[in-house]
Amino acid sequence: MHRRHGEEAGGSITLTSGTLAQEPMVGSGAVSIVNAGVEGFVRVAALQLQGRMRVNVVSPGWVSETLASMGKDPSQGIPVADVAKVYQRAVEGTMTGEVLSAKKG
């Protein structure tokens, strides 16, 4: 990323991980590794891009509408509108290197 003289730094990169990084289950090895890797990458990328660009990751948890489409109880998930607010906070906020969770409670 090259800036011209007088040009302000800025911007935001927001990635997605998942709940299996923090709460693995039997058979989730590969997905848990990928999710945890994304979270680790965001932490180091935020350090390397400090002052130039913000980098965060959203771990949305189970989304109610996805659970419903899978024939599962949607009350165990987070409504997509609430998840979208977490992404909006990541993009518009000032934090960097953070894992933002959309989980209940």
PDB file of N, CA and C in Angstrom:
ATOM      1  N   MET A   1       0.852  -1.173   0.000  1.00  0.00           N
ATOM      2  CA  MET A   1       0.000   0.000   0.000  1.00  0.00           C
ATOM      3  C   MET A   1       0.897   1.236   0.000  1.00  0.00           C
ATOM      4  N   HIS A   2       0.830   2.015  -1.038  1.00  0.00           N
ATOM      5  CA  HIS A   2       1.639   3.224  -1.144  1.00  0.00           C
ATOM      6  C   HIS A   2       0.724   4.436  -1.054  1.00  0.00           C
ATOM      7  N   ARG A   3       1.190   5.410  -0.288  1.00  0.00           N
ATOM      8  CA  ARG A   3       0.421   6.653  -0.160  1.00  0.00           C
ATOM      9  C   ARG A   3       1.222   7.790  -0.766  1.00  0.00           C
ATOM     10  N   ARG A   4       0.498   8.719  -1.325  1.00  0.00           N
ATOM     11  CA  ARG A   4       1.135   9.932  -1.810  1.00  0.00           C
ATOM     12  C   ARG A   4       1.238  10.918  -0.663  1.00  0.00           C
ATOM     13  N   HIS A   5       2.140  11.866  -0.775  1.00  0.00           N
ATOM     14  CA  HIS A   5       2.316  12.888   0.252  1.00  0.00           C
ATOM     15  C   HIS A   5       0.977  13.558   0.565  1.00  0.00           C
ATOM     16  N   GLY A   6       0.646  13.648   1.851  1.00  0.00           N
ATOM     17  CA  GLY A   6      -0.585  14.292   2.279  1.00  0.00           C
ATOM     18  C   GLY A   6      -1.799  13.381   2.286  1.00  0.00           C
ATOM     19  N   GLU A   7      -1.662  12.202   1.749  1.00  0.00           N
ATOM     20  CA  GLU A   7      -2.778  11.263   1.700  1.00  0.00           C
ATOM     21  C   GLU A   7      -2.929  10.586   3.051  1.00  0.00           C
ATOM     22  N   GLU A   8      -4.125  10.535   3.567  1.00  0.00           N
ATOM     23  CA  GLU A   8      -4.403   9.929   4.870  1.00  0.00           C
ATOM     24  C   GLU A   8      -4.411   8.410   4.795  1.00  0.00           C
ATOM     25  N   ALA A   9      -3.904   7.792   5.856  1.00  0.00           N
ATOM     26  CA  ALA A   9      -4.010   6.335   5.989  1.00  0.00           C
ATOM     27  C   ALA A   9      -5.442   5.999   6.364  1.00  0.00           C
ATOM     28  N   GLY A  10      -5.828   4.786   6.138  1.00  0.00           N
ATOM     29  CA  GLY A  10      -7.156   4.408   6.562  1.00  0.00           C
ATOM     30  C   GLY A  10      -7.611   3.140   5.895  1.00  0.00           C
ATOM     31  N   GLY A  11      -8.841   2.824   6.160  1.00  0.00           N
ATOM     32  CA  GLY A  11      -9.422   1.626   5.602  1.00  0.00           C
ATOM     33  C   GLY A  11      -9.547   0.547   6.653  1.00  0.00           C
ATOM     34  N   SER A  12     -10.272  -0.459   6.287  1.00  0.00           N
ATOM     35  CA  SER A  12     -10.555  -1.538   7.221  1.00  0.00           C
ATOM     36  C   SER A  12     -10.709  -2.834   6.446  1.00  0.00           C
ATOM     37  N   ILE A  13     -10.090  -3.868   6.962  1.00  0.00           N
ATOM     38  CA  ILE A  13     -10.281  -5.214   6.440  1.00  0.00           C
ATOM     39  C   ILE A  13     -10.964  -6.000   7.547  1.00  0.00           C
ATOM     40  N   THR A  14     -12.059  -6.649   7.221  1.00  0.00           N
ATOM     41  CA  THR A  14     -12.778  -7.467   8.195  1.00  0.00           C
ATOM     42  C   THR A  14     -12.936  -8.866   7.629  1.00  0.00           C
ATOM     43  N   LEU A  15     -12.409  -9.838   8.356  1.00  0.00           N
ATOM     44  CA  LEU A  15     -12.495 -11.238   7.973  1.00  0.00           C
ATOM     45  C   LEU A  15     -13.519 -11.952   8.841  1.00  0.00           C
ATOM     46  N   THR A  16     -13.802 -13.197   8.510  1.00  0.00           N
ATOM     47  CA  THR A  16     -14.753 -14.000   9.266  1.00  0.00           C
ATOM     48  C   THR A  16     -14.079 -15.269   9.746  1.00  0.00           C
ATOM     49  N   SER A  17     -14.253 -15.573  11.033  1.00  0.00           N
ATOM     50  CA  SER A  17     -13.824 -16.869  11.575  1.00  0.00           C
ATOM     51  C   SER A  17     -15.091 -17.578  12.054  1.00  0.00           C
ATOM     52  N   GLY A  18     -14.975 -18.368  13.061  1.00  0.00           N
ATOM     53  CA  GLY A  18     -16.164 -19.060  13.538  1.00  0.00           C
ATOM     54  C   GLY A  18     -16.002 -19.564  14.944  1.00  0.00           C
ATOM     55  N   THR A  19     -17.098 -19.974  15.488  1.00  0.00           N
ATOM     56  CA  THR A  19     -17.168 -20.394  16.878  1.00  0.00           C
ATOM     57  C   THR A  19     -16.307 -21.621  17.167  1.00  0.00           C
ATOM     58  N   LEU A  20     -15.992 -22.407  16.131  1.00  0.00           N
ATOM     59  CA  LEU A  20     -15.197 -23.617  16.358  1.00  0.00           C
ATOM     60  C   LEU A  20     -13.750 -23.306  16.729  1.00  0.00           C
ATOM     61  N   ALA A  21     -13.314 -22.057  16.586  1.00  0.00           N
ATOM     62  CA  ALA A  21     -11.979 -21.668  17.055  1.00  0.00           C
ATOM     63  C   ALA A  21     -11.935 -21.688  18.572  1.00  0.00           C
ATOM     64  N   GLN A  22     -13.027 -21.291  19.223  1.00  0.00           N
ATOM     65  CA  GLN A  22     -13.089 -21.242  20.687  1.00  0.00           C
ATOM     66  C   GLN A  22     -13.805 -22.444  21.290  1.00  0.00           C
ATOM     67  N   GLU A  23     -14.695 -23.040  20.525  1.00  0.00           N
ATOM     68  CA  GLU A  23     -15.494 -24.153  21.032  1.00  0.00           C
ATOM     69  C   GLU A  23     -15.472 -25.318  20.047  1.00  0.00           C
ATOM     70  N   PRO A  24     -14.324 -26.007  19.946  1.00  0.00           N
ATOM     71  CA  PRO A  24     -14.250 -27.122  19.011  1.00  0.00           C
ATOM     72  C   PRO A  24     -15.159 -28.269  19.429  1.00  0.00           C
ATOM     73  N   MET A  25     -15.491 -29.121  18.470  1.00  0.00           N
ATOM     74  CA  MET A  25     -16.298 -30.302  18.758  1.00  0.00           C
ATOM     75  C   MET A  25     -15.682 -31.485  18.019  1.00  0.00           C
ATOM     76  N   VAL A  26     -16.083 -32.649  18.391  1.00  0.00           N
ATOM     77  CA  VAL A  26     -15.573 -33.850  17.738  1.00  0.00           C
ATOM     78  C   VAL A  26     -15.783 -33.717  16.231  1.00  0.00           C
ATOM     79  N   GLY A  27     -14.737 -33.956  15.471  1.00  0.00           N
ATOM     80  CA  GLY A  27     -14.828 -33.897  14.015  1.00  0.00           C
ATOM     81  C   GLY A  27     -14.595 -32.519  13.417  1.00  0.00           C
ATOM     82  N   SER A  28     -14.325 -31.511  14.255  1.00  0.00           N
ATOM     83  CA  SER A  28     -14.178 -30.147  13.730  1.00  0.00           C
ATOM     84  C   SER A  28     -12.724 -29.726  13.561  1.00  0.00           C
ATOM     85  N   GLY A  29     -11.800 -30.665  13.616  1.00  0.00           N
ATOM     86  CA  GLY A  29     -10.380 -30.330  13.604  1.00  0.00           C
ATOM     87  C   GLY A  29      -9.965 -29.361  12.515  1.00  0.00           C
ATOM     88  N   ALA A  30     -10.272 -29.679  11.266  1.00  0.00           N
ATOM     89  CA  ALA A  30      -9.826 -28.835  10.155  1.00  0.00           C
ATOM     90  C   ALA A  30     -10.451 -27.440  10.224  1.00  0.00           C
ATOM     91  N   VAL A  31     -11.733 -27.370  10.499  1.00  0.00           N
ATOM     92  CA  VAL A  31     -12.410 -26.065  10.554  1.00  0.00           C
ATOM     93  C   VAL A  31     -11.919 -25.260  11.759  1.00  0.00           C
ATOM     94  N   SER A  32     -11.700 -25.922  12.890  1.00  0.00           N
ATOM     95  CA  SER A  32     -11.192 -25.233  14.080  1.00  0.00           C
ATOM     96  C   SER A  32      -9.810 -24.645  13.815  1.00  0.00           C
ATOM     97  N   ILE A  33      -8.952 -25.395  13.125  1.00  0.00           N
ATOM     98  CA  ILE A  33      -7.612 -24.905  12.799  1.00  0.00           C
ATOM     99  C   ILE A  33      -7.699 -23.678  11.890  1.00  0.00           C
ATOM    100  N   VAL A  34      -8.539 -23.731  10.878  1.00  0.00           N
ATOM    101  CA  VAL A  34      -8.672 -22.601   9.955  1.00  0.00           C
ATOM    102  C   VAL A  34      -9.196 -21.371  10.693  1.00  0.00           C
ATOM    103  N   ASN A  35     -10.233 -21.533  11.495  1.00  0.00           N
ATOM    104  CA  ASN A  35     -10.802 -20.391  12.222  1.00  0.00           C
ATOM    105  C   ASN A  35      -9.777 -19.772  13.171  1.00  0.00           C
ATOM    106  N   ALA A  36      -9.059 -20.604  13.915  1.00  0.00           N
ATOM    107  CA  ALA A  36      -8.043 -20.097  14.838  1.00  0.00           C
ATOM    108  C   ALA A  36      -6.906 -19.427  14.063  1.00  0.00           C
ATOM    109  N   GLY A  37      -6.562 -19.973  12.895  1.00  0.00           N
ATOM    110  CA  GLY A  37      -5.531 -19.368  12.058  1.00  0.00           C
ATOM    111  C   GLY A  37      -5.917 -17.991  11.557  1.00  0.00           C
ATOM    112  N   VAL A  38      -7.168 -17.834  11.168  1.00  0.00           N
ATOM    113  CA  VAL A  38      -7.656 -16.524  10.718  1.00  0.00           C
ATOM    114  C   VAL A  38      -7.550 -15.520  11.861  1.00  0.00           C
ATOM    115  N   GLU A  39      -7.928 -15.930  13.057  1.00  0.00           N
ATOM    116  CA  GLU A  39      -7.864 -15.027  14.209  1.00  0.00           C
ATOM    117  C   GLU A  39      -6.425 -14.642  14.527  1.00  0.00           C
ATOM    118  N   GLY A  40      -5.499 -15.598  14.453  1.00  0.00           N
ATOM    119  CA  GLY A  40      -4.091 -15.299  14.671  1.00  0.00           C
ATOM    120  C   GLY A  40      -3.525 -14.372  13.601  1.00  0.00           C
ATOM    121  N   PHE A  41      -3.912 -14.622  12.353  1.00  0.00           N
ATOM    122  CA  PHE A  41      -3.470 -13.769  11.250  1.00  0.00           C
ATOM    123  C   PHE A  41      -3.912 -12.325  11.471  1.00  0.00           C
ATOM    124  N   VAL A  42      -5.146 -12.130  11.903  1.00  0.00           N
ATOM    125  CA  VAL A  42      -5.669 -10.776  12.112  1.00  0.00           C
ATOM    126  C   VAL A  42      -4.859 -10.051  13.187  1.00  0.00           C
ATOM    127  N   ARG A  43      -4.483 -10.754  14.233  1.00  0.00           N
ATOM    128  CA  ARG A  43      -3.707 -10.109  15.295  1.00  0.00           C
ATOM    129  C   ARG A  43      -2.350  -9.621  14.787  1.00  0.00           C
ATOM    130  N   VAL A  44      -1.660 -10.464  14.011  1.00  0.00           N
ATOM    131  CA  VAL A  44      -0.341 -10.065  13.507  1.00  0.00           C
ATOM    132  C   VAL A  44      -0.463  -9.048  12.381  1.00  0.00           C
ATOM    133  N   ALA A  45      -1.456  -9.182  11.517  1.00  0.00           N
ATOM    134  CA  ALA A  45      -1.657  -8.208  10.434  1.00  0.00           C
ATOM    135  C   ALA A  45      -1.945  -6.824  11.001  1.00  0.00           C
ATOM    136  N   ALA A  46      -2.706  -6.766  12.095  1.00  0.00           N
ATOM    137  CA  ALA A  46      -3.006  -5.476  12.725  1.00  0.00           C
ATOM    138  C   ALA A  46      -1.724  -4.811  13.221  1.00  0.00           C
ATOM    139  N   LEU A  47      -0.807  -5.602  13.753  1.00  0.00           N
ATOM    140  CA  LEU A  47       0.478  -5.045  14.203  1.00  0.00           C
ATOM    141  C   LEU A  47       1.289  -4.534  13.018  1.00  0.00           C
ATOM    142  N   GLN A  48       1.327  -5.312  11.960  1.00  0.00           N
ATOM    143  CA  GLN A  48       2.140  -4.943  10.803  1.00  0.00           C
ATOM    144  C   GLN A  48       1.553  -3.778  10.021  1.00  0.00           C
ATOM    145  N   LEU A  49       0.255  -3.608  10.065  1.00  0.00           N
ATOM    146  CA  LEU A  49      -0.401  -2.521   9.325  1.00  0.00           C
ATOM    147  C   LEU A  49      -0.765  -1.334  10.217  1.00  0.00           C
ATOM    148  N   GLN A  50      -0.294  -1.362  11.454  1.00  0.00           N
ATOM    149  CA  GLN A  50      -0.643  -0.328  12.431  1.00  0.00           C
ATOM    150  C   GLN A  50      -0.407   1.073  11.855  1.00  0.00           C
ATOM    151  N   GLY A  51      -1.421   1.902  11.999  1.00  0.00           N
ATOM    152  CA  GLY A  51      -1.338   3.271  11.506  1.00  0.00           C
ATOM    153  C   GLY A  51      -1.680   3.428  10.035  1.00  0.00           C
ATOM    154  N   ARG A  52      -1.795   2.308   9.326  1.00  0.00           N
ATOM    155  CA  ARG A  52      -2.111   2.387   7.900  1.00  0.00           C
ATOM    156  C   ARG A  52      -3.489   1.828   7.584  1.00  0.00           C
ATOM    157  N   MET A  53      -3.846   0.736   8.263  1.00  0.00           N
ATOM    158  CA  MET A  53      -5.118   0.078   7.994  1.00  0.00           C
ATOM    159  C   MET A  53      -5.504  -0.742   9.223  1.00  0.00           C
ATOM    160  N   ARG A  54      -6.793  -0.819   9.474  1.00  0.00           N
ATOM    161  CA  ARG A  54      -7.288  -1.639  10.574  1.00  0.00           C
ATOM    162  C   ARG A  54      -7.666  -3.014  10.045  1.00  0.00           C
ATOM    163  N   VAL A  55      -7.426  -4.039  10.861  1.00  0.00           N
ATOM    164  CA  VAL A  55      -7.766  -5.409  10.487  1.00  0.00           C
ATOM    165  C   VAL A  55      -8.451  -6.064  11.681  1.00  0.00           C
ATOM    166  N   ASN A  56      -9.638  -6.597  11.464  1.00  0.00           N
ATOM    167  CA  ASN A  56     -10.397  -7.271  12.515  1.00  0.00           C
ATOM    168  C   ASN A  56     -11.038  -8.532  11.960  1.00  0.00           C
ATOM    169  N   VAL A  57     -11.562  -9.339  12.846  1.00  0.00           N
ATOM    170  CA  VAL A  57     -12.265 -10.555  12.445  1.00  0.00           C
ATOM    171  C   VAL A  57     -13.552 -10.667  13.255  1.00  0.00           C
ATOM    172  N   VAL A  58     -14.620 -11.071  12.597  1.00  0.00           N
ATOM    173  CA  VAL A  58     -15.898 -11.321  13.263  1.00  0.00           C
ATOM    174  C   VAL A  58     -16.085 -12.828  13.375  1.00  0.00           C
ATOM    175  N   SER A  59     -16.411 -13.267  14.584  1.00  0.00           N
ATOM    176  CA  SER A  59     -16.767 -14.659  14.833  1.00  0.00           C
ATOM    177  C   SER A  59     -18.262 -14.664  15.144  1.00  0.00           C
ATOM    178  N   PRO A  60     -19.091 -14.899  14.119  1.00  0.00           N
ATOM    179  CA  PRO A  60     -20.520 -14.687  14.285  1.00  0.00           C
ATOM    180  C   PRO A  60     -21.256 -15.714  15.131  1.00  0.00           C
ATOM    181  N   GLY A  61     -20.660 -16.856  15.386  1.00  0.00           N
ATOM    182  CA  GLY A  61     -21.422 -17.902  16.069  1.00  0.00           C
ATOM    183  C   GLY A  61     -22.451 -18.469  15.106  1.00  0.00           C
ATOM    184  N   TRP A  62     -23.366 -19.231  15.643  1.00  0.00           N
ATOM    185  CA  TRP A  62     -24.413 -19.808  14.793  1.00  0.00           C
ATOM    186  C   TRP A  62     -25.477 -18.763  14.511  1.00  0.00           C
ATOM    187  N   VAL A  63     -25.823 -18.596  13.259  1.00  0.00           N
ATOM    188  CA  VAL A  63     -26.820 -17.614  12.833  1.00  0.00           C
ATOM    189  C   VAL A  63     -28.188 -18.299  12.809  1.00  0.00           C
ATOM    190  N   SER A  64     -29.166 -17.655  13.408  1.00  0.00           N
ATOM    191  CA  SER A  64     -30.518 -18.228  13.545  1.00  0.00           C
ATOM    192  C   SER A  64     -31.080 -18.713  12.213  1.00  0.00           C
ATOM    193  N   GLU A  65     -30.959 -17.883  11.190  1.00  0.00           N
ATOM    194  CA  GLU A  65     -31.520 -18.227   9.893  1.00  0.00           C
ATOM    195  C   GLU A  65     -30.808 -19.440   9.271  1.00  0.00           C
ATOM    196  N   THR A  66     -29.518 -19.567   9.520  1.00  0.00           N
ATOM    197  CA  THR A  66     -28.782 -20.735   9.025  1.00  0.00           C
ATOM    198  C   THR A  66     -29.250 -21.992   9.746  1.00  0.00           C
ATOM    199  N   LEU A  67     -29.392 -21.894  11.072  1.00  0.00           N
ATOM    200  CA  LEU A  67     -29.885 -23.042  11.836  1.00  0.00           C
ATOM    201  C   LEU A  67     -31.261 -23.469  11.333  1.00  0.00           C
ATOM    202  N   ALA A  68     -32.150 -22.509  11.095  1.00  0.00           N
ATOM    203  CA  ALA A  68     -33.492 -22.824  10.612  1.00  0.00           C
ATOM    204  C   ALA A  68     -33.433 -23.535   9.258  1.00  0.00           C
ATOM    205  N   SER A  69     -32.534 -23.064   8.369  1.00  0.00           N
ATOM    206  CA  SER A  69     -32.426 -23.691   7.050  1.00  0.00           C
ATOM    207  C   SER A  69     -31.872 -25.113   7.133  1.00  0.00           C
ATOM    208  N   MET A  70     -31.189 -25.415   8.243  1.00  0.00           N
ATOM    209  CA  MET A  70     -30.639 -26.756   8.474  1.00  0.00           C
ATOM    210  C   MET A  70     -31.615 -27.644   9.247  1.00  0.00           C
ATOM    211  N   GLY A  71     -32.807 -27.100   9.545  1.00  0.00           N
ATOM    212  CA  GLY A  71     -33.801 -27.856  10.291  1.00  0.00           C
ATOM    213  C   GLY A  71     -33.516 -27.920  11.784  1.00  0.00           C
ATOM    214  N   LYS A  72     -32.695 -26.992  12.283  1.00  0.00           N
ATOM    215  CA  LYS A  72     -32.333 -26.945  13.706  1.00  0.00           C
ATOM    216  C   LYS A  72     -33.077 -25.805  14.390  1.00  0.00           C
ATOM    217  N   ASP A  73     -33.013 -25.786  15.705  1.00  0.00           N
ATOM    218  CA  ASP A  73     -33.697 -24.777  16.514  1.00  0.00           C
ATOM    219  C   ASP A  73     -33.034 -23.403  16.327  1.00  0.00           C
ATOM    220  N   PRO A  74     -33.711 -22.470  15.680  1.00  0.00           N
ATOM    221  CA  PRO A  74     -33.106 -21.155  15.438  1.00  0.00           C
ATOM    222  C   PRO A  74     -32.930 -20.316  16.702  1.00  0.00           C
ATOM    223  N   SER A  75     -33.618 -20.669  17.773  1.00  0.00           N
ATOM    224  CA  SER A  75     -33.486 -19.882  19.007  1.00  0.00           C
ATOM    225  C   SER A  75     -32.107 -20.038  19.635  1.00  0.00           C
ATOM    226  N   GLN A  76     -31.333 -21.025  19.189  1.00  0.00           N
ATOM    227  CA  GLN A  76     -29.979 -21.234  19.706  1.00  0.00           C
ATOM    228  C   GLN A  76     -28.944 -20.355  18.990  1.00  0.00           C
ATOM    229  N   GLY A  77     -29.399 -19.609  17.976  1.00  0.00           N
ATOM    230  CA  GLY A  77     -28.482 -18.782  17.200  1.00  0.00           C
ATOM    231  C   GLY A  77     -28.703 -17.298  17.405  1.00  0.00           C
ATOM    232  N   ILE A  78     -27.968 -16.527  16.638  1.00  0.00           N
ATOM    233  CA  ILE A  78     -28.040 -15.074  16.670  1.00  0.00           C
ATOM    234  C   ILE A  78     -28.695 -14.614  15.371  1.00  0.00           C
ATOM    235  N   PRO A  79     -29.721 -13.755  15.445  1.00  0.00           N
ATOM    236  CA  PRO A  79     -30.362 -13.264  14.225  1.00  0.00           C
ATOM    237  C   PRO A  79     -29.354 -12.565  13.307  1.00  0.00           C
ATOM    238  N   VAL A  80     -29.501 -12.759  12.014  1.00  0.00           N
ATOM    239  CA  VAL A  80     -28.570 -12.200  11.047  1.00  0.00           C
ATOM    240  C   VAL A  80     -28.475 -10.677  11.175  1.00  0.00           C
ATOM    241  N   ALA A  81     -29.541 -10.015  11.546  1.00  0.00           N
ATOM    242  CA  ALA A  81     -29.506  -8.553  11.711  1.00  0.00           C
ATOM    243  C   ALA A  81     -28.545  -8.160  12.830  1.00  0.00           C
ATOM    244  N   ASP A  82     -28.485  -8.959  13.891  1.00  0.00           N
ATOM    245  CA  ASP A  82     -27.553  -8.680  14.991  1.00  0.00           C
ATOM    246  C   ASP A  82     -26.110  -8.957  14.565  1.00  0.00           C
ATOM    247  N   VAL A  83     -25.920  -9.997  13.780  1.00  0.00           N
ATOM    248  CA  VAL A  83     -24.582 -10.310  13.261  1.00  0.00           C
ATOM    249  C   VAL A  83     -24.109  -9.169  12.363  1.00  0.00           C
ATOM    250  N   ALA A  84     -25.003  -8.649  11.528  1.00  0.00           N
ATOM    251  CA  ALA A  84     -24.651  -7.545  10.625  1.00  0.00           C
ATOM    252  C   ALA A  84     -24.179  -6.321  11.412  1.00  0.00           C
ATOM    253  N   LYS A  85     -24.751  -6.080  12.579  1.00  0.00           N
ATOM    254  CA  LYS A  85     -24.333  -4.939  13.411  1.00  0.00           C
ATOM    255  C   LYS A  85     -22.893  -5.104  13.893  1.00  0.00           C
ATOM    256  N   VAL A  86     -22.483  -6.344  14.161  1.00  0.00           N
ATOM    257  CA  VAL A  86     -21.108  -6.597  14.596  1.00  0.00           C
ATOM    258  C   VAL A  86     -20.148  -6.312  13.440  1.00  0.00           C
ATOM    259  N   TYR A  87     -20.510  -6.746  12.233  1.00  0.00           N
ATOM    260  CA  TYR A  87     -19.681  -6.431  11.062  1.00  0.00           C
ATOM    261  C   TYR A  87     -19.601  -4.919  10.850  1.00  0.00           C
ATOM    262  N   GLN A  88     -20.706  -4.237  11.008  1.00  0.00           N
ATOM    263  CA  GLN A  88     -20.719  -2.783  10.848  1.00  0.00           C
ATOM    264  C   GLN A  88     -19.799  -2.127  11.872  1.00  0.00           C
ATOM    265  N   ARG A  89     -19.839  -2.608  13.110  1.00  0.00           N
ATOM    266  CA  ARG A  89     -18.966  -2.076  14.159  1.00  0.00           C
ATOM    267  C   ARG A  89     -17.494  -2.300  13.796  1.00  0.00           C
ATOM    268  N   ALA A  90     -17.175  -3.477  13.235  1.00  0.00           N
ATOM    269  CA  ALA A  90     -15.799  -3.783  12.850  1.00  0.00           C
ATOM    270  C   ALA A  90     -15.313  -2.837  11.754  1.00  0.00           C
ATOM    271  N   VAL A  91     -16.169  -2.557  10.786  1.00  0.00           N
ATOM    272  CA  VAL A  91     -15.794  -1.717   9.650  1.00  0.00           C
ATOM    273  C   VAL A  91     -15.732  -0.244  10.037  1.00  0.00           C
ATOM    274  N   GLU A  92     -16.689   0.212  10.819  1.00  0.00           N
ATOM    275  CA  GLU A  92     -16.790   1.637  11.127  1.00  0.00           C
ATOM    276  C   GLU A  92     -16.086   2.047  12.416  1.00  0.00           C
ATOM    277  N   GLY A  93     -15.720   1.098  13.253  1.00  0.00           N
ATOM    278  CA  GLY A  93     -15.108   1.410  14.543  1.00  0.00           C
ATOM    279  C   GLY A  93     -13.655   1.825  14.414  1.00  0.00           C
ATOM    280  N   THR A  94     -12.986   1.898  15.558  1.00  0.00           N
ATOM    281  CA  THR A  94     -11.584   2.303  15.579  1.00  0.00           C
ATOM    282  C   THR A  94     -10.661   1.166  16.030  1.00  0.00           C
ATOM    283  N   MET A  95     -11.218   0.029  16.410  1.00  0.00           N
ATOM    284  CA  MET A  95     -10.414  -1.074  16.911  1.00  0.00           C
ATOM    285  C   MET A  95      -9.651  -1.756  15.782  1.00  0.00           C
ATOM    286  N   THR A  96      -8.568  -2.413  16.152  1.00  0.00           N
ATOM    287  CA  THR A  96      -7.807  -3.211  15.195  1.00  0.00           C
ATOM    288  C   THR A  96      -7.199  -4.406  15.918  1.00  0.00           C
ATOM    289  N   GLY A  97      -7.093  -5.513  15.199  1.00  0.00           N
ATOM    290  CA  GLY A  97      -6.539  -6.726  15.797  1.00  0.00           C
ATOM    291  C   GLY A  97      -7.496  -7.433  16.729  1.00  0.00           C
ATOM    292  N   GLU A  98      -8.767  -7.152  16.600  1.00  0.00           N
ATOM    293  CA  GLU A  98      -9.770  -7.698  17.519  1.00  0.00           C
ATOM    294  C   GLU A  98     -10.569  -8.831  16.885  1.00  0.00           C
ATOM    295  N   VAL A  99     -10.982  -9.769  17.748  1.00  0.00           N
ATOM    296  CA  VAL A  99     -11.939 -10.804  17.378  1.00  0.00           C
ATOM    297  C   VAL A  99     -13.252 -10.363  17.989  1.00  0.00           C
ATOM    298  N   LEU A 100     -14.208  -9.983  17.146  1.00  0.00           N
ATOM    299  CA  LEU A 100     -15.500  -9.513  17.628  1.00  0.00           C
ATOM    300  C   LEU A 100     -16.500 -10.661  17.555  1.00  0.00           C
ATOM    301  N   SER A 101     -17.127 -10.936  18.665  1.00  0.00           N
ATOM    302  CA  SER A 101     -18.084 -12.032  18.733  1.00  0.00           C
ATOM    303  C   SER A 101     -19.507 -11.498  18.650  1.00  0.00           C
ATOM    304  N   ALA A 102     -20.341 -12.250  17.970  1.00  0.00           N
ATOM    305  CA  ALA A 102     -21.757 -11.889  17.893  1.00  0.00           C
ATOM    306  C   ALA A 102     -22.585 -12.803  18.801  1.00  0.00           C
ATOM    307  N   LYS A 103     -21.910 -13.674  19.552  1.00  0.00           N
ATOM    308  CA  LYS A 103     -22.628 -14.647  20.379  1.00  0.00           C
ATOM    309  C   LYS A 103     -23.473 -13.974  21.454  1.00  0.00           C
ATOM    310  N   LYS A 104     -24.549 -14.658  21.805  1.00  0.00           N
ATOM    311  CA  LYS A 104     -25.417 -14.184  22.884  1.00  0.00           C
ATOM    312  C   LYS A 104     -24.668 -14.234  24.199  1.00  0.00           C
ATOM    313  N   GLY A 105     -25.056 -13.268  25.076  1.00  0.00           N
ATOM    314  CA  GLY A 105     -24.537 -13.285  26.435  1.00  0.00           C
ATOM    315  C   GLY A 105     -23.119 -12.974  26.513  1.00  0.00           C
TER     316      GLY A 105
END
